[in-house]
Protein backbone atom coordinates (compact mmCIF):
# COMPACT_ATOMS: atom_id res chain seq x y z
CA MET A 1 -50.46 -1.15 14.88
CA SER A 2 -46.68 -0.93 14.40
CA SER A 3 -46.72 2.53 15.96
CA LEU A 4 -48.54 1.15 18.98
CA ARG A 5 -45.96 -1.63 19.41
CA LEU A 6 -43.15 0.89 19.15
CA LEU A 7 -44.82 3.07 21.78
CA ASN A 8 -45.25 0.12 24.14
CA LYS A 9 -41.58 -0.79 23.77
CA ALA A 10 -40.48 2.78 24.37
CA ALA A 11 -42.72 3.36 27.41
CA PRO A 12 -40.36 1.84 30.04
CA LEU A 13 -37.43 3.87 28.72
CA VAL A 14 -39.50 7.07 28.75
CA ALA A 15 -40.61 6.36 32.32
CA VAL A 16 -37.01 5.96 33.48
CA MET A 17 -35.97 9.16 31.75
CA VAL A 18 -38.84 11.06 33.40
CA MET A 19 -37.85 9.72 36.82
CA LEU A 20 -34.28 10.91 36.29
CA ILE A 21 -35.03 14.29 34.76
CA LEU A 22 -38.20 15.41 36.60
CA PRO A 23 -36.54 16.11 39.98
CA ARG A 24 -34.22 18.56 38.26
CA LEU A 25 -37.17 20.37 36.69
CA LEU A 26 -39.24 20.71 39.85
CA PRO A 27 -39.52 24.30 41.18
CA TYR A 28 -38.05 23.36 44.51
CA HIS A 29 -36.25 20.44 46.12
CA ARG A 30 -36.68 18.61 49.40
CA ALA A 31 -34.23 20.93 51.16
CA ASP A 32 -36.33 23.90 50.06
CA GLN A 33 -39.47 22.22 51.35
CA GLU A 34 -37.86 21.65 54.73
CA SER A 35 -36.69 25.27 54.84
CA ILE A 36 -40.19 26.55 54.06
CA LEU A 37 -41.78 24.34 56.72
CA ALA A 38 -39.19 25.46 59.27
CA ARG A 39 -39.82 29.12 58.44
CA ASN A 40 -43.59 28.68 58.77
CA ALA A 41 -43.07 27.01 62.14
CA ALA A 42 -40.79 29.85 63.28
CA VAL A 43 -43.43 32.45 62.36
CA LEU A 44 -46.13 30.52 64.20
CA SER A 45 -43.95 30.13 67.31
CA SER A 46 -42.98 33.80 67.33
CA PHE A 47 -46.53 35.14 67.24
CA ARG A 48 -47.54 32.88 70.10
CA SER A 49 -45.21 34.91 72.33
CA VAL A 50 -46.22 38.48 71.44
CA PRO A 51 -46.38 40.55 74.66
CA TYR A 52 -49.73 41.65 76.06
CA ARG A 53 -48.24 45.00 77.02
CA ILE A 54 -46.23 47.30 74.76
CA GLY A 55 -45.27 50.53 76.49
CA GLU A 56 -48.50 52.29 77.47
CA TRP A 57 -50.59 49.89 75.37
CA VAL A 58 -52.19 46.81 76.92
CA VAL A 59 -54.48 44.19 75.43
CA GLY A 60 -58.13 45.05 76.07
CA GLU A 61 -60.74 42.83 77.64
CA SER A 62 -62.16 41.83 74.28
CA GLU A 63 -60.15 40.94 71.20
CA PRO A 64 -61.37 41.47 67.62
CA GLU A 65 -62.82 38.33 66.07
CA VAL A 66 -61.72 37.30 62.62
CA PRO A 67 -64.68 36.03 60.56
CA ALA A 68 -64.58 32.27 60.04
CA ALA A 69 -65.19 32.77 56.32
CA ALA A 70 -62.04 34.92 56.06
CA VAL A 71 -59.97 32.27 57.84
CA GLU A 72 -61.30 29.59 55.49
CA ILE A 73 -60.42 31.64 52.41
CA LEU A 74 -56.98 32.78 53.57
CA GLN A 75 -55.85 29.38 54.90
CA PRO A 76 -53.37 31.25 57.14
CA ASN A 77 -50.29 29.85 58.77
CA VAL A 78 -50.73 32.60 61.38
CA ILE A 79 -53.59 34.98 62.02
CA PHE A 80 -52.87 37.36 64.90
CA SER A 81 -55.65 39.69 66.06
CA ARG A 82 -55.49 41.90 69.17
CA ARG A 83 -56.84 45.21 70.37
CA TYR A 84 -54.42 47.31 72.40
CA VAL A 85 -55.79 50.05 74.65
CA ASN A 86 -53.79 53.03 75.89
CA THR A 87 -53.69 53.03 79.69
CA ASN A 88 -53.61 56.84 79.86
CA ASP A 89 -56.50 57.93 77.66
CA GLY A 90 -58.39 54.82 76.56
CA ARG A 91 -57.59 55.16 72.86
CA TRP A 92 -57.33 51.85 71.03
CA LEU A 93 -55.60 50.27 68.08
CA SER A 94 -56.42 46.86 66.63
CA VAL A 95 -53.57 44.82 65.18
CA LEU A 96 -54.24 42.20 62.52
CA ILE A 97 -51.33 40.21 61.09
CA VAL A 98 -51.92 37.41 58.62
CA HIS A 99 -49.21 35.12 57.28
CA CYS A 100 -50.13 32.81 54.41
CA SER A 101 -47.84 29.94 53.47
CA ASP A 102 -48.86 30.40 49.84
CA ALA A 103 -49.11 33.88 48.31
CA ARG A 104 -52.02 32.76 46.13
CA ASP A 105 -54.24 32.62 49.22
CA MET A 106 -53.59 36.33 49.90
CA GLN A 107 -54.56 37.56 46.43
CA GLY A 108 -57.27 40.19 46.51
CA HIS A 109 -57.52 40.26 50.29
CA PHE A 110 -56.60 43.77 51.42
CA PRO A 111 -58.50 46.82 52.70
CA PRO A 112 -59.79 48.30 49.39
CA ASN A 113 -61.55 45.00 48.69
CA CYS A 114 -62.44 43.56 52.09
CA TYR A 115 -63.85 46.60 53.88
CA PRO A 116 -66.24 47.72 51.10
CA ALA A 117 -67.46 44.11 50.95
CA ASN A 118 -68.58 44.63 54.56
CA GLY A 119 -70.44 47.88 54.03
CA TRP A 120 -67.60 50.42 54.31
CA THR A 121 -67.00 53.12 51.69
CA LEU A 122 -63.40 53.97 50.84
CA GLU A 123 -63.05 57.76 50.99
CA SER A 124 -59.32 58.24 50.51
CA GLN A 125 -55.92 56.62 50.69
CA GLN A 126 -52.46 58.03 51.21
CA GLU A 127 -48.96 56.72 51.74
CA TYR A 128 -47.00 57.59 54.90
CA ALA A 129 -43.66 56.66 56.42
CA ILE A 130 -43.09 56.29 60.15
CA PRO A 131 -39.86 55.81 62.11
CA VAL A 132 -39.53 52.40 63.75
CA ARG A 133 -36.18 52.27 65.50
CA SER A 134 -33.54 52.83 62.82
CA ARG A 135 -35.79 52.42 59.79
CA GLN A 136 -38.53 54.27 57.97
CA MET A 137 -41.53 52.02 57.48
CA ALA A 138 -43.93 52.77 54.64
CA LEU A 139 -47.65 52.35 55.26
CA GLN A 140 -50.75 52.85 53.16
CA ALA A 141 -53.51 54.62 55.08
CA TYR A 142 -57.11 53.95 54.04
CA GLU A 143 -60.00 56.08 55.31
CA PHE A 144 -63.41 54.39 55.44
CA ARG A 145 -66.89 55.42 56.52
CA ARG A 146 -70.33 53.78 56.73
CA MET A 147 -73.78 54.58 58.00
CA ARG A 148 -75.36 52.56 60.79
CA GLY A 149 -78.85 53.00 62.04
CA TRP A 150 -80.57 56.35 61.54
CA ALA A 151 -78.01 58.91 60.37
CA GLN A 152 -75.27 57.37 62.51
CA GLU A 153 -71.91 57.58 60.77
CA GLU A 154 -68.85 55.47 61.61
CA ARG A 155 -65.33 56.18 60.48
CA LEU A 156 -62.32 53.91 60.40
CA ARG A 157 -58.66 54.29 59.49
CA VAL A 158 -56.63 51.27 58.39
CA LEU A 159 -52.84 51.37 58.05
CA ASN A 160 -51.60 48.51 55.90
CA TYR A 161 -48.52 46.92 54.30
CA PHE A 162 -47.29 43.54 53.03
CA VAL A 163 -44.16 41.65 54.03
CA LEU A 164 -42.61 39.76 51.11
CA PRO A 165 -40.47 36.61 51.42
CA ASN A 166 -37.36 38.48 50.27
CA GLY A 167 -37.53 40.65 53.40
CA GLU A 168 -38.91 43.70 51.60
CA THR A 169 -42.24 45.38 52.26
CA ALA A 170 -44.84 46.53 49.74
CA LEU A 171 -48.02 48.59 49.75
CA ALA A 172 -49.74 47.36 46.58
CA MET A 173 -51.50 44.07 45.90
CA SER A 174 -49.58 43.88 42.62
CA ALA A 175 -46.52 42.72 44.59
CA VAL A 176 -48.49 39.77 45.94
CA ARG A 177 -49.85 38.94 42.48
CA GLU A 178 -46.31 38.92 41.12
CA LEU A 179 -45.29 36.36 43.77
CA ALA A 180 -48.34 34.25 42.98
CA ARG A 181 -47.51 34.04 39.27
CA ARG A 182 -44.83 31.40 39.85
CA TYR A 183 -45.27 28.38 42.07
CA SER A 184 -41.66 28.52 43.29
CA THR A 185 -42.15 32.05 44.69
CA SER A 186 -45.78 31.66 45.73
CA ILE A 187 -44.96 28.86 48.20
CA GLN A 188 -42.47 31.14 49.95
CA GLY A 189 -45.51 32.83 51.54
CA VAL A 190 -46.45 36.42 52.26
CA ALA A 191 -47.73 38.42 55.24
CA GLN A 192 -50.05 41.38 55.66
CA VAL A 193 -49.98 43.81 58.58
CA GLN A 194 -53.01 45.96 59.43
CA ILE A 195 -53.35 48.56 62.16
CA ILE A 196 -56.94 49.73 62.65
CA ALA A 197 -57.32 53.03 64.52
CA SER A 198 -60.30 54.30 66.48
CA GLN A 199 -62.24 57.02 64.68
CA ASP A 200 -61.50 59.70 67.26
CA MET A 201 -57.74 59.60 66.60
CA SER A 202 -56.16 62.10 64.22
CA ILE A 203 -53.90 60.79 61.48
CA GLU A 204 -50.89 62.19 63.35
CA ALA A 205 -51.89 60.41 66.56
CA SER A 206 -52.61 57.21 64.62
CA LEU A 207 -49.18 57.22 63.02
CA GLU A 208 -47.43 57.95 66.31
CA ALA A 209 -49.30 55.18 68.12
CA THR A 210 -48.68 52.76 65.26
CA ALA A 211 -44.95 53.46 65.44
CA GLU A 212 -45.00 52.63 69.17
CA LEU A 213 -46.81 49.35 68.63
CA LEU A 214 -44.71 48.27 65.65
CA GLU A 215 -41.54 48.95 67.61
CA GLY A 216 -42.77 46.56 70.31
CA LEU A 217 -43.75 44.02 67.65
CA LEU A 218 -40.53 44.43 65.67
CA PRO A 219 -38.82 41.17 66.79
CA HIS A 220 -41.85 39.25 65.54
CA LEU A 221 -42.18 41.28 62.35
CA GLN A 222 -38.53 40.57 61.58
CA VAL A 223 -39.30 36.84 61.63
CA LEU A 224 -41.77 37.50 58.81
CA GLU A 225 -38.99 39.19 56.85
CA GLN A 226 -36.68 36.18 56.96
CA GLY A 227 -37.86 34.69 53.70
CA GLY A 228 -36.26 32.34 51.25
CA LEU A 229 -35.88 34.52 48.15
């Protein structure tokens, strides 16, 4: 009983100490919260103004739909999905850009997992670098195929990379998992950029067309790179 009385007497003092010390132990402060919210708002505003024409590429009549289930899982701050068609030859590229406010929501969601879950078989993957203005941008290219109907084969190429909150890019999901390990870095967010090429385009043509589109999207991609780490 004496121990219980002692605990009751000490409780107010402990509560005061917690109130004084806890703010210093939190992974981020109010100023950090405001900075994160402002950055998320800047990303959202930027992708609302992406041009419908980039060089010889214009937005097609129909835009790719993002499955509702994927949106629910990712909880994105921004999900940008457009199909650009070349005005000269009709080739197309689909652009999918997802920005999550919390890196934990992005874990596991990238081409080697998502496409096979929808019936595609991953045949190969290879890293490339393409020139985008004054920089070399690394991309991971994934080659997929699947059968539809009676002996009807479809092929798809997906070029992919992540944008980290420190402004760097990454090709592997391990970089996202590393962010997600700590709450203070996970809430800085992460983005994923996918370029999906039509099956009749060679890898060389896909890379060249991707470079053209990314150059036109560069001002918006740079907003993704302005992280807080």
